Amino acid sequence: MHIGVNVPNFGPGTDPEVLRRWAQTTEGLGFDLLMVSDHVVVTPDVAEQYPAPFYEPFTTLAWLAGVTDRVRLGTTVLIAPYRHPLLVARMAANLNQLSGGRFVLGVGVGWARQEFDALGVPFEERGAITDDHLQAVRAAWDDEEDYGRGRIPIWVGGHSGPALRRAVRHGDAWHPLLLPLARLRERLDRMKAVADELGRPVPALAPRIALRLTETPVTDEGRLAGEGTIDQIADDLEQLRLLGADTVVLDSYNGDPRETNHPEIAWQALAAVSARRRMEQS
């Protein structure tokens, strides 16, 4: 099972040098994947959680590809309705080529109504738009002469009923975000039922989970996967492996933008997970 890292590409403490250090720390600790998130307009609803500066994901990942050698690069998640699908297909294909085939396209429908309004995209139609765009992106990539060779994996985010159907129809992997393990298991069973209903294979499992390292065990009933002591986090990763997870992405951001001023706290947590993995593999 591969382990990835969600890198904050936003907030008061984030600048090009910090992003470079995030990338080099992620690769240096032996993680397999580096992912960033997506917003185009920092409207008030976005700024409350993800304030400026907000570095655009394709631009950021293209730059980070040049300061890394091995780690894969991806979006968690690109908001599909915000861009023309042929532009997404072009940027994704070029980034994949420039990085030596390291790109993963994670997509979602989005949630920030004010940002949709600013972009002139109908919020209530975002699910249907996402479905249409994913079909268009795949069709564009099928033209290998124009878009280059190499299959780019698509991870589909979300855990609603429509999101599960979208993952089955369009995704190489299902990419749920920040769920308790029990909820993730329930949704995974539902996705398998949807796949049977549609007569399609079940996509791979590639969840993004929390990384909240604590000194004492977290015993809350609604504890998120990845929240607790290093033993709890290690057990969560093992449970996800047993569920068939191909990749798990660790997200250390707790929702307070001031955290971006102190990335070393997240790096210490990542170092603890990396050390535990090495110990278990030795």
C-alpha atoms as a PDB file:
ATOM      1  CA  MET A   1       0.000   0.000   0.000  1.00  0.00           C
ATOM      2  CA  HIS A   2       1.299   3.433  -0.972  1.00  0.00           C
ATOM      3  CA  ILE A   3       1.142   6.423   1.384  1.00  0.00           C
ATOM      4  CA  GLY A   4       0.712   9.985   0.162  1.00  0.00           C
ATOM      5  CA  VAL A   5       0.677  13.431   1.746  1.00  0.00           C
ATOM      6  CA  ASN A   6      -1.769  16.306   1.302  1.00  0.00           C
ATOM      7  CA  VAL A   7       0.314  19.505   1.105  1.00  0.00           C
ATOM      8  CA  PRO A   8      -1.347  22.840   2.004  1.00  0.00           C
ATOM      9  CA  ASN A   9      -0.988  25.079  -1.059  1.00  0.00           C
ATOM     10  CA  PHE A  10      -2.709  27.982   0.686  1.00  0.00           C
ATOM     11  CA  GLY A  11      -2.643  30.091   3.819  1.00  0.00           C
ATOM     12  CA  PRO A  12      -0.577  32.860   5.414  1.00  0.00           C
ATOM     13  CA  GLY A  13       2.490  30.707   6.004  1.00  0.00           C
ATOM     14  CA  THR A  14       2.656  29.258   2.507  1.00  0.00           C
ATOM     15  CA  ASP A  15       5.076  30.591  -0.100  1.00  0.00           C
ATOM     16  CA  PRO A  16       7.228  29.009  -2.823  1.00  0.00           C
ATOM     17  CA  GLU A  17      10.051  28.094  -0.451  1.00  0.00           C
ATOM     18  CA  VAL A  18       7.668  26.451   2.033  1.00  0.00           C
ATOM     19  CA  LEU A  19       6.071  24.478  -0.807  1.00  0.00           C
ATOM     20  CA  ARG A  20       9.528  23.374  -1.936  1.00  0.00           C
ATOM     21  CA  ARG A  21      10.351  22.209   1.607  1.00  0.00           C
ATOM     22  CA  TRP A  22       7.020  20.358   1.829  1.00  0.00           C
ATOM     23  CA  ALA A  23       7.802  18.532  -1.402  1.00  0.00           C
ATOM     24  CA  GLN A  24      11.357  17.654  -0.458  1.00  0.00           C
ATOM     25  CA  THR A  25      10.299  16.553   3.036  1.00  0.00           C
ATOM     26  CA  THR A  26       7.554  14.350   1.589  1.00  0.00           C
ATOM     27  CA  GLU A  27       9.939  12.704  -0.854  1.00  0.00           C
ATOM     28  CA  GLY A  28      12.806  12.552   1.633  1.00  0.00           C
ATOM     29  CA  LEU A  29      10.690  10.703   4.209  1.00  0.00           C
ATOM     30  CA  GLY A  30       9.874   8.052   1.629  1.00  0.00           C
ATOM     31  CA  PHE A  31       6.252   8.896   0.924  1.00  0.00           C
ATOM     32  CA  ASP A  32       4.885   7.938  -2.466  1.00  0.00           C
ATOM     33  CA  LEU A  33       2.578  10.769  -3.443  1.00  0.00           C
ATOM     34  CA  LEU A  34       2.224  14.525  -2.942  1.00  0.00           C
ATOM     35  CA  MET A  35      -1.199  16.112  -3.485  1.00  0.00           C
ATOM     36  CA  VAL A  36      -2.574  19.660  -3.398  1.00  0.00           C
ATOM     37  CA  SER A  37      -6.073  21.095  -3.412  1.00  0.00           C
ATOM     38  CA  ASP A  38      -7.928  23.459  -5.732  1.00  0.00           C
ATOM     39  CA  HIS A  39      -9.714  26.789  -5.635  1.00  0.00           C
ATOM     40  CA  VAL A  40      -9.764  29.436  -8.343  1.00  0.00           C
ATOM     41  CA  VAL A  41     -11.423  32.403  -6.609  1.00  0.00           C
ATOM     42  CA  VAL A  42     -10.856  32.962  -2.896  1.00  0.00           C
ATOM     43  CA  THR A  43     -14.419  34.067  -2.160  1.00  0.00           C
ATOM     44  CA  PRO A  44     -15.456  34.620   1.479  1.00  0.00           C
ATOM     45  CA  ASP A  45     -16.716  31.035   1.880  1.00  0.00           C
ATOM     46  CA  VAL A  46     -13.387  29.698   0.600  1.00  0.00           C
ATOM     47  CA  ALA A  47     -11.263  32.179   2.561  1.00  0.00           C
ATOM     48  CA  GLU A  48     -12.803  31.092   5.859  1.00  0.00           C
ATOM     49  CA  GLN A  49     -11.049  27.723   5.546  1.00  0.00           C
ATOM     50  CA  TYR A  50      -8.435  28.206   2.825  1.00  0.00           C
ATOM     51  CA  PRO A  51      -7.298  31.852   2.733  1.00  0.00           C
ATOM     52  CA  ALA A  52      -4.975  33.499   0.248  1.00  0.00           C
ATOM     53  CA  PRO A  53      -2.434  33.047  -1.025  1.00  0.00           C
ATOM     54  CA  PHE A  54      -3.890  30.034  -2.823  1.00  0.00           C
ATOM     55  CA  TYR A  55      -1.493  28.501  -5.323  1.00  0.00           C
ATOM     56  CA  GLU A  56      -3.189  27.067  -8.416  1.00  0.00           C
ATOM     57  CA  PRO A  57      -2.664  23.277  -8.452  1.00  0.00           C
ATOM     58  CA  PHE A  58      -1.428  22.623 -11.991  1.00  0.00           C
ATOM     59  CA  THR A  59       1.054  25.495 -11.802  1.00  0.00           C
ATOM     60  CA  THR A  60       2.227  24.432  -8.363  1.00  0.00           C
ATOM     61  CA  LEU A  61       2.633  20.762  -9.241  1.00  0.00           C
ATOM     62  CA  ALA A  62       4.501  21.566 -12.447  1.00  0.00           C
ATOM     63  CA  TRP A  63       6.993  23.571 -10.398  1.00  0.00           C
ATOM     64  CA  LEU A  64       7.276  20.915  -7.689  1.00  0.00           C
ATOM     65  CA  ALA A  65       7.879  18.275 -10.353  1.00  0.00           C
ATOM     66  CA  GLY A  66      11.145  20.072 -11.052  1.00  0.00           C
ATOM     67  CA  VAL A  67      12.347  19.914  -7.435  1.00  0.00           C
ATOM     68  CA  THR A  68      11.478  16.224  -6.907  1.00  0.00           C
ATOM     69  CA  ASP A  69      12.542  13.031  -8.636  1.00  0.00           C
ATOM     70  CA  ARG A  70      10.381  10.128  -7.507  1.00  0.00           C
ATOM     71  CA  VAL A  71       7.234  11.163  -5.675  1.00  0.00           C
ATOM     72  CA  ARG A  72       3.963  11.138  -7.617  1.00  0.00           C
ATOM     73  CA  LEU A  73       1.995  14.379  -7.889  1.00  0.00           C
ATOM     74  CA  GLY A  74      -1.755  14.847  -7.764  1.00  0.00           C
ATOM     75  CA  THR A  75      -4.854  16.910  -6.994  1.00  0.00           C
ATOM     76  CA  THR A  76      -7.087  16.271  -3.995  1.00  0.00           C
ATOM     77  CA  VAL A  77      -9.279  17.368  -5.509  1.00  0.00           C
ATOM     78  CA  LEU A  78      -9.506  19.411  -8.702  1.00  0.00           C
ATOM     79  CA  ILE A  79     -12.983  20.952  -8.870  1.00  0.00           C
ATOM     80  CA  ALA A  80     -14.067  19.660 -12.253  1.00  0.00           C
ATOM     81  CA  PRO A  81     -16.760  22.236 -13.144  1.00  0.00           C
ATOM     82  CA  TYR A  82     -14.374  25.194 -12.792  1.00  0.00           C
ATOM     83  CA  ARG A  83     -12.422  24.613 -16.025  1.00  0.00           C
ATOM     84  CA  HIS A  84     -13.204  23.604 -19.582  1.00  0.00           C
ATOM     85  CA  PRO A  85     -12.582  19.850 -19.851  1.00  0.00           C
ATOM     86  CA  LEU A  86     -10.279  20.214 -22.847  1.00  0.00           C
ATOM     87  CA  LEU A  87      -8.132  22.627 -20.851  1.00  0.00           C
ATOM     88  CA  VAL A  88      -8.010  20.108 -17.974  1.00  0.00           C
ATOM     89  CA  ALA A  89      -7.122  17.322 -20.399  1.00  0.00           C
ATOM     90  CA  ARG A  90      -4.326  19.415 -21.907  1.00  0.00           C
ATOM     91  CA  MET A  91      -2.855  20.590 -18.594  1.00  0.00           C
ATOM     92  CA  ALA A  92      -3.045  17.131 -17.038  1.00  0.00           C
ATOM     93  CA  ALA A  93      -1.448  15.462 -20.042  1.00  0.00           C
ATOM     94  CA  ASN A  94       1.348  18.040 -20.208  1.00  0.00           C
ATOM     95  CA  LEU A  95       2.008  17.822 -16.473  1.00  0.00           C
ATOM     96  CA  ASN A  96       2.126  14.043 -16.718  1.00  0.00           C
ATOM     97  CA  GLN A  97       4.670  14.256 -19.553  1.00  0.00           C
ATOM     98  CA  LEU A  98       6.796  16.926 -17.863  1.00  0.00           C
ATOM     99  CA  SER A  99       6.923  14.954 -14.608  1.00  0.00           C
ATOM    100  CA  GLY A 100       7.826  11.651 -16.232  1.00  0.00           C
ATOM    101  CA  GLY A 101       4.394  10.049 -15.824  1.00  0.00           C
ATOM    102  CA  ARG A 102       3.918  10.930 -12.167  1.00  0.00           C
ATOM    103  CA  PHE A 103       0.538  12.709 -12.267  1.00  0.00           C
ATOM    104  CA  VAL A 104      -2.730  11.612 -10.600  1.00  0.00           C
ATOM    105  CA  LEU A 105      -5.920  13.555 -11.385  1.00  0.00           C
ATOM    106  CA  GLY A 106      -8.205  13.608  -8.358  1.00  0.00           C
ATOM    107  CA  VAL A 107     -11.526  15.328  -9.064  1.00  0.00           C
ATOM    108  CA  GLY A 108     -14.626  16.443  -7.196  1.00  0.00           C
ATOM    109  CA  VAL A 109     -17.778  18.492  -7.734  1.00  0.00           C
ATOM    110  CA  GLY A 110     -16.982  21.337  -5.316  1.00  0.00           C
ATOM    111  CA  TRP A 111     -18.902  22.965  -2.482  1.00  0.00           C
ATOM    112  CA  ALA A 112     -18.243  26.740  -2.408  1.00  0.00           C
ATOM    113  CA  ARG A 113     -21.411  28.340  -3.791  1.00  0.00           C
ATOM    114  CA  GLN A 114     -19.934  31.857  -3.862  1.00  0.00           C
ATOM    115  CA  GLU A 115     -16.969  30.638  -5.883  1.00  0.00           C
ATOM    116  CA  PHE A 116     -19.313  28.969  -8.394  1.00  0.00           C
ATOM    117  CA  ASP A 117     -21.208  32.254  -8.691  1.00  0.00           C
ATOM    118  CA  ALA A 118     -17.975  34.200  -9.238  1.00  0.00           C
ATOM    119  CA  LEU A 119     -17.005  31.818 -12.049  1.00  0.00           C
ATOM    120  CA  GLY A 120     -20.464  31.854 -13.626  1.00  0.00           C
ATOM    121  CA  VAL A 121     -20.943  28.103 -13.142  1.00  0.00           C
ATOM    122  CA  PRO A 122     -24.418  26.903 -12.008  1.00  0.00           C
ATOM    123  CA  PHE A 123     -23.960  25.422  -8.555  1.00  0.00           C
ATOM    124  CA  GLU A 124     -26.991  23.113  -8.718  1.00  0.00           C
ATOM    125  CA  GLU A 125     -25.696  21.534 -11.934  1.00  0.00           C
ATOM    126  CA  ARG A 126     -22.202  20.786 -10.686  1.00  0.00           C
ATOM    127  CA  GLY A 127     -22.701  17.005 -10.516  1.00  0.00           C
ATOM    128  CA  ALA A 128     -23.962  16.705 -14.081  1.00  0.00           C
ATOM    129  CA  ILE A 129     -21.226  19.061 -15.296  1.00  0.00           C
ATOM    130  CA  THR A 130     -18.588  16.925 -13.587  1.00  0.00           C
ATOM    131  CA  ASP A 131     -19.905  13.760 -15.245  1.00  0.00           C
ATOM    132  CA  ASP A 132     -19.858  15.420 -18.668  1.00  0.00           C
ATOM    133  CA  HIS A 133     -16.374  16.828 -18.121  1.00  0.00           C
ATOM    134  CA  LEU A 134     -14.918  13.492 -17.075  1.00  0.00           C
ATOM    135  CA  GLN A 135     -16.268  11.887 -20.229  1.00  0.00           C
ATOM    136  CA  ALA A 136     -14.771  14.703 -22.308  1.00  0.00           C
ATOM    137  CA  VAL A 137     -11.368  14.421 -20.603  1.00  0.00           C
ATOM    138  CA  ARG A 138     -11.239  10.676 -21.247  1.00  0.00           C
ATOM    139  CA  ALA A 139     -12.228  11.205 -24.875  1.00  0.00           C
ATOM    140  CA  ALA A 140      -9.500  13.799 -25.322  1.00  0.00           C
ATOM    141  CA  TRP A 141      -6.877  11.491 -23.857  1.00  0.00           C
ATOM    142  CA  ASP A 142      -7.920   8.740 -26.242  1.00  0.00           C
ATOM    143  CA  ASP A 143      -6.407  10.907 -28.976  1.00  0.00           C
ATOM    144  CA  GLU A 144      -2.873   9.808 -28.081  1.00  0.00           C
ATOM    145  CA  GLU A 145      -1.230  11.642 -30.971  1.00  0.00           C
ATOM    146  CA  ASP A 146      -2.441  15.002 -29.642  1.00  0.00           C
ATOM    147  CA  TYR A 147      -2.317  14.426 -25.894  1.00  0.00           C
ATOM    148  CA  GLY A 148       0.635  12.080 -25.494  1.00  0.00           C
ATOM    149  CA  ARG A 149       0.950   8.518 -24.320  1.00  0.00           C
ATOM    150  CA  GLY A 150       0.587   7.272 -20.782  1.00  0.00           C
ATOM    151  CA  ARG A 151      -2.607   6.622 -18.858  1.00  0.00           C
ATOM    152  CA  ILE A 152      -3.341   9.180 -16.151  1.00  0.00           C
ATOM    153  CA  PRO A 153      -5.343   7.714 -13.244  1.00  0.00           C
ATOM    154  CA  ILE A 154      -8.535   9.542 -12.279  1.00  0.00           C
ATOM    155  CA  TRP A 155      -9.561   9.464  -8.616  1.00  0.00           C
ATOM    156  CA  VAL A 156     -13.142  10.516  -7.926  1.00  0.00           C
ATOM    157  CA  GLY A 157     -13.840  12.177  -4.586  1.00  0.00           C
ATOM    158  CA  GLY A 158     -17.006  12.314  -2.512  1.00  0.00           C
ATOM    159  CA  HIS A 159     -19.084   9.743  -0.651  1.00  0.00           C
ATOM    160  CA  SER A 160     -22.688  10.651  -1.494  1.00  0.00           C
ATOM    161  CA  GLY A 161     -24.780   8.303  -3.596  1.00  0.00           C
ATOM    162  CA  PRO A 162     -24.122  10.243  -6.827  1.00  0.00           C
ATOM    163  CA  ALA A 163     -20.399  10.434  -6.000  1.00  0.00           C
ATOM    164  CA  LEU A 164     -20.219   6.654  -5.622  1.00  0.00           C
ATOM    165  CA  ARG A 165     -21.917   6.182  -8.989  1.00  0.00           C
ATOM    166  CA  ARG A 166     -19.518   8.695 -10.512  1.00  0.00           C
ATOM    167  CA  ALA A 167     -16.535   6.824  -9.075  1.00  0.00           C
ATOM    168  CA  VAL A 168     -17.779   3.548 -10.526  1.00  0.00           C
ATOM    169  CA  ARG A 169     -18.515   5.058 -13.944  1.00  0.00           C
ATOM    170  CA  HIS A 170     -15.483   7.290 -14.363  1.00  0.00           C
ATOM    171  CA  GLY A 171     -12.867   6.546 -11.719  1.00  0.00           C
ATOM    172  CA  ASP A 172      -9.789   4.398 -11.559  1.00  0.00           C
ATOM    173  CA  ALA A 173     -10.064   4.915  -7.804  1.00  0.00           C
ATOM    174  CA  TRP A 174     -12.579   6.159  -5.263  1.00  0.00           C
ATOM    175  CA  HIS A 175     -11.069   8.965  -3.180  1.00  0.00           C
ATOM    176  CA  PRO A 176     -13.212   9.619  -0.068  1.00  0.00           C
ATOM    177  CA  LEU A 177     -12.116  12.387   2.260  1.00  0.00           C
ATOM    178  CA  LEU A 178     -11.783  12.382   6.052  1.00  0.00           C
ATOM    179  CA  LEU A 179     -14.213   9.709   7.243  1.00  0.00           C
ATOM    180  CA  PRO A 180     -14.327   7.498  10.337  1.00  0.00           C
ATOM    181  CA  LEU A 181     -13.414   3.927   9.472  1.00  0.00           C
ATOM    182  CA  ALA A 182     -16.928   2.624  10.143  1.00  0.00           C
ATOM    183  CA  ARG A 183     -18.433   5.175   7.770  1.00  0.00           C
ATOM    184  CA  LEU A 184     -15.826   4.418   5.135  1.00  0.00           C
ATOM    185  CA  ARG A 185     -16.588   0.679   5.359  1.00  0.00           C
ATOM    186  CA  GLU A 186     -20.318   1.348   4.993  1.00  0.00           C
ATOM    187  CA  ARG A 187     -19.792   3.548   1.945  1.00  0.00           C
ATOM    188  CA  LEU A 188     -17.368   1.030   0.426  1.00  0.00           C
ATOM    189  CA  ASP A 189     -20.013  -1.694   0.726  1.00  0.00           C
ATOM    190  CA  ARG A 190     -22.490   0.647  -0.941  1.00  0.00           C
ATOM    191  CA  MET A 191     -20.070   1.360  -3.789  1.00  0.00           C
ATOM    192  CA  LYS A 192     -19.608  -2.365  -4.377  1.00  0.00           C
ATOM    193  CA  ALA A 193     -23.388  -2.681  -4.632  1.00  0.00           C
ATOM    194  CA  VAL A 194     -23.463   0.193  -7.128  1.00  0.00           C
ATOM    195  CA  ALA A 195     -20.750  -1.488  -9.194  1.00  0.00           C
ATOM    196  CA  ASP A 196     -22.769  -4.713  -9.259  1.00  0.00           C
ATOM    197  CA  GLU A 197     -25.868  -2.754 -10.266  1.00  0.00           C
ATOM    198  CA  LEU A 198     -24.055  -1.052 -13.128  1.00  0.00           C
ATOM    199  CA  GLY A 199     -22.168  -4.174 -14.167  1.00  0.00           C
ATOM    200  CA  ARG A 200     -18.827  -2.439 -13.791  1.00  0.00           C
ATOM    201  CA  PRO A 201     -15.660  -3.206 -11.809  1.00  0.00           C
ATOM    202  CA  VAL A 202     -15.177  -1.713  -8.377  1.00  0.00           C
ATOM    203  CA  PRO A 203     -12.631   1.119  -8.537  1.00  0.00           C
ATOM    204  CA  ALA A 204      -9.558   1.003  -6.354  1.00  0.00           C
ATOM    205  CA  LEU A 205      -9.750   2.498  -2.869  1.00  0.00           C
ATOM    206  CA  ALA A 206      -7.563   5.578  -2.275  1.00  0.00           C
ATOM    207  CA  PRO A 207      -8.872   7.510   0.743  1.00  0.00           C
ATOM    208  CA  ARG A 208      -7.573  10.747   2.185  1.00  0.00           C
ATOM    209  CA  ILE A 209      -7.522  10.460   5.963  1.00  0.00           C
ATOM    210  CA  ALA A 210      -6.574  12.741   8.824  1.00  0.00           C
ATOM    211  CA  LEU A 211      -3.129  12.924  10.369  1.00  0.00           C
ATOM    212  CA  ARG A 212      -3.750  14.092  13.933  1.00  0.00           C
ATOM    213  CA  LEU A 213      -0.994  12.688  16.110  1.00  0.00           C
ATOM    214  CA  THR A 214      -1.815  12.729  19.849  1.00  0.00           C
ATOM    215  CA  GLU A 215       0.025  11.561  22.940  1.00  0.00           C
ATOM    216  CA  THR A 216      -3.004   9.798  24.424  1.00  0.00           C
ATOM    217  CA  PRO A 217      -5.565   7.630  22.596  1.00  0.00           C
ATOM    218  CA  VAL A 218      -8.589   9.280  21.012  1.00  0.00           C
ATOM    219  CA  THR A 219     -11.684   7.378  22.104  1.00  0.00           C
ATOM    220  CA  ASP A 220     -14.498   9.480  20.609  1.00  0.00           C
ATOM    221  CA  GLU A 221     -17.076   7.412  18.757  1.00  0.00           C
ATOM    222  CA  GLY A 222     -16.704   9.601  15.683  1.00  0.00           C
ATOM    223  CA  ARG A 223     -12.887   9.456  15.623  1.00  0.00           C
ATOM    224  CA  LEU A 224     -11.604  10.048  12.121  1.00  0.00           C
ATOM    225  CA  ALA A 225      -9.296   7.519  10.557  1.00  0.00           C
ATOM    226  CA  GLY A 226      -5.752   8.777  11.158  1.00  0.00           C
ATOM    227  CA  GLU A 227      -6.561  10.561  14.400  1.00  0.00           C
ATOM    228  CA  GLY A 228      -4.874   9.468  17.641  1.00  0.00           C
ATOM    229  CA  THR A 229      -1.627   7.967  18.860  1.00  0.00           C
ATOM    230  CA  ILE A 230       0.944   6.536  16.503  1.00  0.00           C
ATOM    231  CA  ASP A 231      -0.395   3.077  17.405  1.00  0.00           C
ATOM    232  CA  GLN A 232      -3.924   4.115  16.433  1.00  0.00           C
ATOM    233  CA  ILE A 233      -2.733   5.654  13.185  1.00  0.00           C
ATOM    234  CA  ALA A 234      -0.693   2.547  12.336  1.00  0.00           C
ATOM    235  CA  ASP A 235      -3.717   0.357  13.061  1.00  0.00           C
ATOM    236  CA  ASP A 236      -5.932   2.544  10.870  1.00  0.00           C
ATOM    237  CA  LEU A 237      -3.463   2.190   8.010  1.00  0.00           C
ATOM    238  CA  GLU A 238      -3.440  -1.577   8.482  1.00  0.00           C
ATOM    239  CA  GLN A 239      -7.249  -1.683   8.522  1.00  0.00           C
ATOM    240  CA  LEU A 240      -7.309   0.283   5.278  1.00  0.00           C
ATOM    241  CA  ARG A 241      -4.779  -2.094   3.744  1.00  0.00           C
ATOM    242  CA  LEU A 242      -7.020  -5.002   4.693  1.00  0.00           C
ATOM    243  CA  LEU A 243      -9.946  -3.201   3.055  1.00  0.00           C
ATOM    244  CA  GLY A 244      -7.914  -3.201  -0.141  1.00  0.00           C
ATOM    245  CA  ALA A 245      -6.670   0.388  -0.193  1.00  0.00           C
ATOM    246  CA  ASP A 246      -4.142   0.940  -2.949  1.00  0.00           C
ATOM    247  CA  THR A 247      -3.048   4.349  -1.634  1.00  0.00           C
ATOM    248  CA  VAL A 248      -3.831   6.342   1.521  1.00  0.00           C
ATOM    249  CA  VAL A 249      -3.245  10.099   1.610  1.00  0.00           C
ATOM    250  CA  LEU A 250      -2.444  11.708   4.975  1.00  0.00           C
ATOM    251  CA  ASP A 251      -3.917  15.167   5.636  1.00  0.00           C
ATOM    252  CA  SER A 252      -2.383  17.037   8.571  1.00  0.00           C
ATOM    253  CA  TYR A 253      -4.418  20.234   8.118  1.00  0.00           C
ATOM    254  CA  ASN A 254      -6.859  20.747  11.007  1.00  0.00           C
ATOM    255  CA  GLY A 255      -8.755  23.666   9.482  1.00  0.00           C
ATOM    256  CA  ASP A 256      -6.992  26.601  11.162  1.00  0.00           C
ATOM    257  CA  PRO A 257      -5.083  28.653   8.551  1.00  0.00           C
ATOM    258  CA  ARG A 258      -2.561  29.709  11.213  1.00  0.00           C
ATOM    259  CA  GLU A 259      -1.228  26.136  11.080  1.00  0.00           C
ATOM    260  CA  THR A 260       0.450  27.003   7.785  1.00  0.00           C
ATOM    261  CA  ASN A 261       2.852  29.244   9.726  1.00  0.00           C
ATOM    262  CA  HIS A 262       4.256  26.176  11.500  1.00  0.00           C
ATOM    263  CA  PRO A 263       4.623  23.365   8.930  1.00  0.00           C
ATOM    264  CA  GLU A 264       7.312  21.719  11.061  1.00  0.00           C
ATOM    265  CA  ILE A 265       4.553  20.359  13.338  1.00  0.00           C
ATOM    266  CA  ALA A 266       3.065  18.455  10.418  1.00  0.00           C
ATOM    267  CA  TRP A 267       6.523  17.356   9.285  1.00  0.00           C
ATOM    268  CA  GLN A 268       7.204  15.872  12.716  1.00  0.00           C
ATOM    269  CA  ALA A 269       3.973  13.869  12.527  1.00  0.00           C
ATOM    270  CA  LEU A 270       4.891  12.658   9.051  1.00  0.00           C
ATOM    271  CA  ALA A 271       8.354  11.685  10.286  1.00  0.00           C
ATOM    272  CA  ALA A 272       6.734   9.604  13.055  1.00  0.00           C
ATOM    273  CA  VAL A 273       4.561   7.766  10.521  1.00  0.00           C
ATOM    274  CA  SER A 274       7.548   7.227   8.233  1.00  0.00           C
ATOM    275  CA  ALA A 275       9.645   5.825  11.097  1.00  0.00           C
ATOM    276  CA  ARG A 276       6.818   3.491  12.111  1.00  0.00           C
ATOM    277  CA  ARG A 277       6.488   2.219   8.526  1.00  0.00           C
ATOM    278  CA  ARG A 278      10.216   1.516   8.325  1.00  0.00           C
ATOM    279  CA  MET A 279      10.106  -0.339  11.635  1.00  0.00           C
ATOM    280  CA  GLU A 280       7.168  -2.481  10.487  1.00  0.00           C
ATOM    281  CA  GLN A 281       8.855  -3.254   7.172  1.00  0.00           C
ATOM    282  CA  SER A 282      12.214  -4.206   8.700  1.00  0.00           C
END
